[in-house]
Amino acid sequence: MSTTAVPLRPIAKGSLTRLWIGVAIVALAAGGLAWAGQQGVAPSPAAFLAQNAHETGVVTTESGLQYKVLEEGSGPSPTSSDVALVGYKGALLDGTVFDENPQAPMPVDGVVPGFSEGVQKMKKGGKYRLWIPSELGYGAEDNGPIPGGSVLVFDVTLHDFKSKAELMQLQQQMMQQQGAAPQPGQ
């Protein structure tokens, strides 16, 4: 068995250098394209919350709710058994507003857990920004205009709050006043 030897031409001077320069240019171009492809891509909800936790004035609770006091209120805070009169604007991380109401009464325990927890930290007249992770919001399932797994961003103003017992008493007083008033046409 014989082996045929193929003669190899010698490498021209500087060819190896040009080869490595070409490899480096291709690697830099690939890195640049990868970086450019990431621009404008929203961070994951977990990455956003981790980054947001380090922003000035942002407080993260044990449950994972993040809030920032925009304007401190005064007096006591509502409890889970109260009904709060709030103004709010709810948005997604991309700024899409999904709900807004300048004055809405709502039972503190009748909303998503993160909103309830945030309202209970507020005082009358206070303005807070809440970042509610999906576990304290609507979870992994889509809910109307809110995609599953979304971080909810709420700007909330606490106008006032009353206990449910106070509201029942006010309602009874109003009904008594209406019953004592003369009926139209009499």
Protein backbone atom coordinates (compact mmCIF):
# COMPACT_ATOMS: atom_id res chain seq x y z
CA MET A 1 0.00 0.00 0.00
CA SER A 2 1.46 3.27 -1.00
CA THR A 3 0.53 6.74 0.12
CA THR A 4 0.60 9.58 -2.29
CA ALA A 5 1.93 12.75 -0.82
CA VAL A 6 0.26 15.96 -1.89
CA PRO A 7 2.60 18.86 -1.90
CA LEU A 8 1.37 21.84 0.16
CA ARG A 9 2.19 25.30 -0.92
CA PRO A 10 3.86 27.42 1.67
CA ILE A 11 1.61 30.01 3.35
CA ALA A 12 2.18 33.48 2.02
CA LYS A 13 3.68 35.94 4.45
CA GLY A 14 0.93 37.73 6.49
CA SER A 15 -1.86 35.29 5.52
CA LEU A 16 -2.24 33.92 9.02
CA THR A 17 -2.48 37.44 10.45
CA ARG A 18 -5.19 38.36 7.94
CA LEU A 19 -7.08 35.17 8.84
CA TRP A 20 -7.10 36.03 12.58
CA ILE A 21 -8.09 39.63 11.87
CA GLY A 22 -11.01 38.31 9.79
CA VAL A 23 -12.08 35.96 12.61
CA ALA A 24 -11.93 38.87 15.11
CA ILE A 25 -14.02 41.11 12.82
CA VAL A 26 -16.68 38.40 12.41
CA ALA A 27 -16.80 37.85 16.22
CA LEU A 28 -17.14 41.61 16.87
CA ALA A 29 -19.88 41.90 14.23
CA ALA A 30 -21.78 38.97 15.79
CA GLY A 31 -21.48 40.54 19.25
CA GLY A 32 -22.64 43.91 17.90
CA LEU A 33 -25.66 42.32 16.20
CA ALA A 34 -26.56 40.43 19.38
CA TRP A 35 -26.36 43.66 21.41
CA ALA A 36 -28.43 45.59 18.85
CA GLY A 37 -31.04 42.82 18.84
CA GLN A 38 -31.50 43.22 22.60
CA GLN A 39 -32.19 46.96 22.43
CA GLY A 40 -35.86 47.75 22.89
CA VAL A 41 -36.56 44.32 24.37
CA ALA A 42 -38.40 44.70 27.67
CA PRO A 43 -36.77 43.00 30.65
CA SER A 44 -38.59 40.08 32.21
CA PRO A 45 -40.94 40.99 35.09
CA ALA A 46 -38.52 39.44 37.60
CA ALA A 47 -35.59 41.38 36.14
CA PHE A 48 -37.59 44.61 36.24
CA LEU A 49 -38.57 44.10 39.90
CA ALA A 50 -34.98 43.24 40.86
CA GLN A 51 -33.69 46.40 39.18
CA ASN A 52 -36.57 48.56 40.50
CA ALA A 53 -35.87 47.44 44.09
CA HIS A 54 -32.61 49.45 43.97
CA GLU A 55 -34.26 52.70 42.82
CA THR A 56 -34.35 55.61 45.27
CA GLY A 57 -37.36 55.55 47.59
CA VAL A 58 -38.67 52.13 46.48
CA VAL A 59 -39.58 49.80 49.35
CA THR A 60 -40.02 46.06 48.84
CA THR A 61 -42.28 44.27 51.33
CA GLU A 62 -41.88 40.69 52.52
CA SER A 63 -44.58 39.57 50.06
CA GLY A 64 -42.77 41.13 47.08
CA LEU A 65 -44.94 44.24 46.67
CA GLN A 66 -42.90 47.32 45.79
CA TYR A 67 -44.08 50.83 46.55
CA LYS A 68 -42.84 54.38 46.55
CA VAL A 69 -44.36 57.19 48.59
CA LEU A 70 -45.01 60.07 46.20
CA GLU A 71 -46.84 62.15 48.79
CA GLU A 72 -47.25 61.17 52.44
CA GLY A 73 -50.74 61.39 53.90
CA SER A 74 -51.73 61.87 57.52
CA GLY A 75 -53.68 60.01 60.18
CA PRO A 76 -54.36 56.30 60.49
CA SER A 77 -54.16 53.72 57.72
CA PRO A 78 -57.09 51.60 56.52
CA THR A 79 -57.41 47.96 57.52
CA SER A 80 -58.56 45.00 55.47
CA SER A 81 -62.09 45.40 56.90
CA ASP A 82 -62.47 49.00 55.68
CA VAL A 83 -63.88 50.48 52.49
CA ALA A 84 -61.49 52.94 50.87
CA LEU A 85 -62.24 55.83 48.53
CA VAL A 86 -59.30 55.90 46.14
CA GLY A 87 -58.25 57.44 42.87
CA TYR A 88 -56.05 55.18 40.77
CA LYS A 89 -54.49 54.54 37.40
CA GLY A 90 -53.43 50.99 36.57
CA ALA A 91 -50.89 50.32 33.83
CA LEU A 92 -48.58 47.63 32.54
CA LEU A 93 -44.79 48.01 32.50
CA ASP A 94 -44.93 49.22 28.89
CA GLY A 95 -47.21 52.10 29.97
CA THR A 96 -50.46 50.65 28.59
CA VAL A 97 -53.25 51.90 30.89
CA PHE A 98 -55.81 49.16 31.58
CA ASP A 99 -57.96 50.92 34.21
CA GLU A 100 -58.35 54.38 35.66
CA ASN A 101 -60.79 56.00 38.06
CA PRO A 102 -60.34 59.34 39.87
CA GLN A 103 -62.68 58.37 42.73
CA ALA A 104 -63.75 54.80 43.40
CA PRO A 105 -65.01 53.22 46.63
CA MET A 106 -63.71 49.70 47.11
CA PRO A 107 -63.50 47.22 49.96
CA VAL A 108 -59.83 46.95 50.89
CA ASP A 109 -60.12 43.14 51.04
CA GLY A 110 -62.04 42.99 47.74
CA VAL A 111 -59.16 43.75 45.37
CA VAL A 112 -56.02 41.89 44.29
CA PRO A 113 -53.75 41.13 47.26
CA GLY A 114 -50.96 43.52 46.19
CA PHE A 115 -53.36 46.46 45.84
CA SER A 116 -54.92 45.65 49.23
CA GLU A 117 -51.50 45.49 50.89
CA GLY A 118 -50.44 48.78 49.32
CA VAL A 119 -53.62 50.64 50.33
CA GLN A 120 -53.18 49.43 53.93
CA LYS A 121 -49.77 51.13 54.03
CA MET A 122 -51.24 54.51 53.00
CA LYS A 123 -52.70 57.33 55.07
CA LYS A 124 -55.53 59.72 54.06
CA GLY A 125 -54.37 62.12 51.37
CA GLY A 126 -51.35 59.98 50.50
CA LYS A 127 -50.18 59.19 46.96
CA TYR A 128 -48.24 56.00 46.28
CA ARG A 129 -46.93 54.15 43.26
CA LEU A 130 -47.33 50.38 43.58
CA TRP A 131 -45.52 47.73 41.54
CA ILE A 132 -47.50 44.54 42.01
CA PRO A 133 -45.84 41.26 40.93
CA SER A 134 -48.13 38.82 39.13
CA GLU A 135 -48.31 36.55 42.20
CA LEU A 136 -50.01 39.42 44.09
CA GLY A 137 -51.99 40.53 41.04
CA TYR A 138 -53.79 38.43 38.45
CA GLY A 139 -51.31 35.54 38.29
CA ALA A 140 -50.24 33.63 35.20
CA GLU A 141 -53.61 33.74 33.42
CA ASP A 142 -54.70 36.52 31.05
CA ASN A 143 -57.35 38.77 32.57
CA GLY A 144 -59.01 40.97 29.94
CA PRO A 145 -56.41 43.46 28.68
CA ILE A 146 -53.84 42.24 31.24
CA PRO A 147 -51.52 39.49 29.94
CA GLY A 148 -50.73 36.66 32.33
CA GLY A 149 -47.59 37.12 34.42
CA SER A 150 -47.72 40.92 34.21
CA VAL A 151 -46.35 43.33 36.78
CA LEU A 152 -49.09 45.88 37.52
CA VAL A 153 -48.15 49.53 38.11
CA PHE A 154 -50.68 51.58 40.06
CA ASP A 155 -50.62 55.25 40.98
CA VAL A 156 -53.00 55.45 43.95
CA THR A 157 -54.39 58.35 45.97
CA LEU A 158 -56.21 57.50 49.21
CA HIS A 159 -58.99 60.08 49.55
CA ASP A 160 -60.74 58.59 52.59
CA PHE A 161 -61.81 55.33 54.22
CA LYS A 162 -64.55 54.12 56.52
CA SER A 163 -65.17 50.86 58.32
CA LYS A 164 -67.90 48.64 56.92
CA ALA A 165 -69.84 49.15 60.18
CA GLU A 166 -69.73 52.95 59.72
CA LEU A 167 -70.97 52.60 56.16
CA MET A 168 -73.85 50.36 57.24
CA GLN A 169 -74.81 52.89 59.91
CA LEU A 170 -74.73 55.75 57.37
CA GLN A 171 -76.84 53.72 54.97
CA GLN A 172 -79.42 53.00 57.67
CA GLN A 173 -79.58 56.70 58.59
CA MET A 174 -80.16 57.63 54.96
CA MET A 175 -82.91 55.04 54.62
CA GLN A 176 -84.59 56.34 57.80
CA GLN A 177 -84.43 59.90 56.50
CA GLN A 178 -85.96 58.85 53.21
CA GLY A 179 -88.72 56.97 55.03
CA ALA A 180 -89.50 60.02 57.21
CA ALA A 181 -89.63 62.38 54.23
CA PRO A 182 -93.08 63.05 52.77
CA GLN A 183 -93.80 61.04 49.65
CA PRO A 184 -94.22 63.03 46.42
CA GLY A 185 -97.89 63.73 45.62
CA GLN A 186 -99.09 63.73 49.24
